[in-house]
Amino acid sequence: MKRLLEPELMEDESQVKAYAEADFEIPHNEFIERLQSFIDCPGFNGTALDLGCGPGDISFRFAKAFPLSKVHALDGSQTMLNYAKSALTADLAERISFMPGLLPDVTLPRPAYEIIFSNSLLHHLPDPRALWHSIKKYSRPGARIIVMDLLRPADIKDAQTMVNSYAASEPEILQRDFYHSLLAAFSMEEIKAQLAFAGLNLNVEQISDRHVFITGVIPD
């Protein structure tokens, strides 16, 4: 099945509200657990970069998992950022900075980061090179890279089966978005080709019937 693009940004208020209130406890918790295992540094006290932070749940979870860290969280949707900021508690307000910006044409507060992570951004991008270029540009030598995203099913029937299996209890608008996100996702082969083209030597692992987990260290 060929990739079918979906809108790059989620800006409709009802769409963003449904996404922000959806139950992502299992995949988001797994993302953080895998990230912690890969980084293997509970005392990390540097600044991490979250690309495509959405309503902020992953940023919050990272900051809580690494209580000495700071997070710069980027998203192109101001509606998403408004939700993230509204959920920002006093104890995290000094450690998480939410900022607007579209990849790859964005200027960040720091020239390079020690950890860069991204969850569910890649499939939104019309051109995936925007993500890999930005990771290369803002990684310092030795930086840890962690990316999780959806994988495109073999056909439309499989995509609908996944929606029925994993989002049946969610609002119709979220089921629709999940379906279109699956159709817009990349295959394992496409992701590996993207990384090779970008000159990024990252490990690509399928961790479920619908998720890919990408990790690696930027050489010194």
Protein backbone atom coordinates (compact mmCIF):
# COMPACT_ATOMS: atom_id res chain seq x y z
CA MET A 1 0.00 0.00 0.00
CA LYS A 2 1.31 3.44 -0.94
CA ARG A 3 1.65 6.13 1.69
CA LEU A 4 -1.32 8.52 1.89
CA LEU A 5 -0.43 11.89 3.40
CA GLU A 6 -2.44 13.42 6.22
CA PRO A 7 -2.31 17.08 7.36
CA GLU A 8 1.05 17.90 8.93
CA LEU A 9 -0.47 19.85 11.83
CA MET A 10 -3.33 19.09 14.20
CA GLU A 11 -4.91 22.49 14.84
CA ASP A 12 -8.67 21.91 14.95
CA GLU A 13 -9.80 22.45 18.55
CA SER A 14 -12.04 19.36 18.70
CA GLN A 15 -9.38 17.19 17.09
CA VAL A 16 -6.67 18.37 19.47
CA LYS A 17 -8.98 18.02 22.48
CA ALA A 18 -9.76 14.40 21.54
CA TYR A 19 -6.06 13.63 21.10
CA ALA A 20 -5.04 15.34 24.35
CA GLU A 21 -7.69 13.46 26.34
CA ALA A 22 -7.11 10.05 24.71
CA ASP A 23 -5.71 7.14 26.70
CA PHE A 24 -2.09 6.72 25.57
CA GLU A 25 -0.94 5.32 28.90
CA ILE A 26 0.40 2.04 27.50
CA PRO A 27 2.37 3.29 24.45
CA HIS A 28 3.62 6.45 26.19
CA ASN A 29 4.72 4.53 29.26
CA GLU A 30 6.48 1.98 27.07
CA PHE A 31 8.21 4.79 25.19
CA ILE A 32 9.62 6.24 28.43
CA GLU A 33 10.63 2.81 29.77
CA ARG A 34 12.49 2.00 26.56
CA LEU A 35 14.06 5.47 26.53
CA GLN A 36 15.26 5.04 30.12
CA SER A 37 16.72 1.64 29.34
CA PHE A 38 18.54 2.99 26.30
CA ILE A 39 19.91 6.12 28.00
CA ASP A 40 20.79 4.23 31.21
CA CYS A 41 21.49 7.44 33.12
CA PRO A 42 18.88 8.16 35.82
CA GLY A 43 20.91 11.15 36.99
CA PHE A 44 20.83 12.90 33.60
CA ASN A 45 20.93 16.63 34.35
CA GLY A 46 21.23 18.13 30.89
CA THR A 47 18.63 19.51 28.47
CA ALA A 48 16.68 17.20 26.17
CA LEU A 49 14.83 18.12 22.99
CA ASP A 50 11.33 16.78 22.30
CA LEU A 51 10.43 17.11 18.61
CA GLY A 52 6.69 17.11 17.96
CA CYS A 53 5.62 17.28 21.59
CA GLY A 54 1.89 17.62 20.92
CA PRO A 55 -0.07 18.22 24.15
CA GLY A 56 3.03 17.51 26.21
CA ASP A 57 2.42 14.09 27.77
CA ILE A 58 5.78 12.62 26.72
CA SER A 59 7.60 15.78 27.83
CA PHE A 60 5.95 15.55 31.24
CA ARG A 61 6.80 11.87 31.58
CA PHE A 62 10.44 12.49 30.59
CA ALA A 63 10.83 15.32 33.10
CA LYS A 64 9.40 13.16 35.88
CA ALA A 65 11.61 10.21 34.95
CA PHE A 66 14.70 12.46 34.97
CA PRO A 67 14.06 14.94 37.80
CA LEU A 68 17.35 16.80 37.28
CA SER A 69 16.74 17.41 33.57
CA LYS A 70 15.25 20.20 31.48
CA VAL A 71 13.19 19.78 28.31
CA HIS A 72 12.79 22.00 25.27
CA ALA A 73 9.55 20.81 23.62
CA LEU A 74 8.73 21.83 20.06
CA ASP A 75 5.51 21.60 18.07
CA GLY A 76 4.12 23.28 14.97
CA SER A 77 0.56 23.46 16.29
CA GLN A 78 -0.19 26.36 18.60
CA THR A 79 -3.41 24.63 19.64
CA MET A 80 -1.40 21.62 20.82
CA LEU A 81 1.01 23.89 22.68
CA ASN A 82 -1.88 25.65 24.39
CA TYR A 83 -3.05 22.31 25.79
CA ALA A 84 0.50 21.45 26.86
CA LYS A 85 0.96 24.76 28.67
CA SER A 86 -2.42 24.47 30.38
CA ALA A 87 -1.34 21.10 31.83
CA LEU A 88 2.04 22.37 33.00
CA THR A 89 2.21 22.07 36.78
CA ALA A 90 4.19 24.44 38.99
CA ASP A 91 6.83 21.84 39.81
CA LEU A 92 7.60 21.31 36.11
CA ALA A 93 7.20 24.88 34.86
CA GLU A 94 10.85 25.73 35.50
CA ARG A 95 12.09 22.62 33.69
CA ILE A 96 9.91 22.33 30.57
CA SER A 97 9.77 25.01 27.88
CA PHE A 98 7.13 24.62 25.17
CA MET A 99 7.92 26.44 21.94
CA PRO A 100 6.37 26.76 18.45
CA GLY A 101 8.22 25.78 15.30
CA LEU A 102 8.08 23.75 12.10
CA LEU A 103 10.91 21.46 11.06
CA PRO A 104 13.38 21.90 9.52
CA ASP A 105 13.23 25.72 9.51
CA VAL A 106 13.42 26.39 13.22
CA THR A 107 15.94 28.08 15.49
CA LEU A 108 16.17 26.54 18.95
CA PRO A 109 17.51 28.04 22.20
CA ARG A 110 20.53 25.71 22.24
CA PRO A 111 22.92 24.85 19.41
CA ALA A 112 23.00 21.17 20.39
CA TYR A 113 21.36 18.69 22.76
CA GLU A 114 22.50 15.61 24.66
CA ILE A 115 19.22 13.75 24.18
CA ILE A 116 16.74 14.16 21.33
CA PHE A 117 13.50 12.23 21.35
CA SER A 118 10.37 12.19 19.24
CA ASN A 119 7.12 10.26 19.45
CA SER A 120 4.59 10.08 16.61
CA LEU A 121 5.96 12.99 14.59
CA LEU A 122 7.52 11.22 11.60
CA HIS A 123 4.27 10.10 9.97
CA HIS A 124 2.92 13.68 10.05
CA LEU A 125 5.77 15.05 7.94
CA PRO A 126 5.29 15.36 4.17
CA ASP A 127 9.06 15.05 3.82
CA PRO A 128 10.71 12.80 6.45
CA ARG A 129 14.08 14.41 5.79
CA ALA A 130 12.89 17.32 7.97
CA LEU A 131 13.13 15.16 11.08
CA TRP A 132 16.45 13.47 10.31
CA HIS A 133 18.06 16.76 9.20
CA SER A 134 16.96 18.45 12.42
CA ILE A 135 18.28 15.59 14.54
CA LYS A 136 21.67 15.83 12.84
CA LYS A 137 21.73 19.62 13.14
CA TYR A 138 20.89 19.75 16.85
CA SER A 139 22.78 16.70 18.14
CA ARG A 140 26.00 17.18 19.98
CA PRO A 141 28.66 14.43 19.66
CA GLY A 142 27.57 11.49 21.80
CA ALA A 143 23.91 12.55 21.81
CA ARG A 144 21.30 9.84 22.40
CA ILE A 145 18.52 9.66 19.79
CA ILE A 146 15.16 8.00 20.49
CA VAL A 147 12.28 8.00 17.99
CA MET A 148 9.04 6.03 18.08
CA ASP A 149 6.38 6.10 15.41
CA LEU A 150 3.68 4.15 13.63
CA LEU A 151 4.30 1.63 10.87
CA ARG A 152 2.14 1.56 7.76
CA PRO A 153 -0.01 -1.58 7.51
CA ALA A 154 0.07 -3.77 4.44
CA ASP A 155 -3.34 -2.59 3.23
CA ILE A 156 -6.44 -0.61 4.14
CA LYS A 157 -8.15 -3.66 5.62
CA ASP A 158 -5.29 -4.15 8.10
CA ALA A 159 -5.42 -0.45 9.00
CA GLN A 160 -9.13 -0.68 9.82
CA THR A 161 -8.52 -3.84 11.85
CA MET A 162 -5.96 -1.96 13.96
CA VAL A 163 -8.40 0.88 14.53
CA ASN A 164 -11.04 -1.62 15.66
CA SER A 165 -8.55 -3.37 17.93
CA TYR A 166 -6.85 -0.39 19.58
CA ALA A 167 -9.22 2.58 19.32
CA ALA A 168 -12.73 1.12 19.39
CA SER A 169 -13.57 2.86 22.67
CA GLU A 170 -12.17 6.23 21.58
CA PRO A 171 -14.26 9.07 20.04
CA GLU A 172 -14.99 8.79 16.34
CA ILE A 173 -12.72 11.72 15.54
CA LEU A 174 -9.78 9.94 17.19
CA GLN A 175 -10.54 6.68 15.37
CA ARG A 176 -10.52 8.61 12.10
CA ASP A 177 -7.21 10.31 12.93
CA PHE A 178 -5.61 7.00 13.93
CA TYR A 179 -6.72 5.44 10.65
CA HIS A 180 -5.28 8.28 8.58
CA SER A 181 -2.08 8.25 10.65
CA LEU A 182 -1.59 4.55 9.88
CA LEU A 183 -1.99 5.26 6.17
CA ALA A 184 0.52 8.13 6.41
CA ALA A 185 3.15 6.13 8.28
CA PHE A 186 6.28 4.65 6.74
CA SER A 187 7.41 1.05 6.36
CA MET A 188 10.52 -0.39 8.00
CA GLU A 189 12.29 -0.41 4.64
CA GLU A 190 11.44 3.22 3.95
CA ILE A 191 12.71 4.33 7.36
CA LYS A 192 15.97 2.45 6.93
CA ALA A 193 16.41 4.10 3.52
CA GLN A 194 15.74 7.53 5.04
CA LEU A 195 18.40 6.99 7.69
CA ALA A 196 20.92 5.75 5.16
CA PHE A 197 20.31 8.81 2.99
CA ALA A 198 20.70 11.08 6.03
CA GLY A 199 23.90 9.36 7.10
CA LEU A 200 22.47 8.38 10.48
CA ASN A 201 23.55 5.01 11.82
CA LEU A 202 20.53 4.28 14.01
CA ASN A 203 18.97 0.97 15.03
CA VAL A 204 15.47 0.35 13.66
CA GLU A 205 13.33 -2.17 15.55
CA GLN A 206 9.70 -3.15 15.15
CA ILE A 207 8.29 -3.43 18.67
CA SER A 208 4.62 -4.15 17.94
CA ASP A 209 2.29 -4.72 15.02
CA ARG A 210 2.07 -0.93 14.59
CA HIS A 211 5.16 0.66 16.20
CA VAL A 212 8.78 1.16 15.24
CA PHE A 213 11.47 2.16 17.77
CA ILE A 214 14.61 3.90 16.52
CA THR A 215 17.67 4.50 18.69
CA GLY A 216 21.31 5.41 18.36
CA VAL A 217 24.24 7.52 19.47
CA ILE A 218 25.72 10.34 17.40
CA PRO A 219 29.43 9.61 16.91
CA ASP A 220 32.01 11.78 18.66
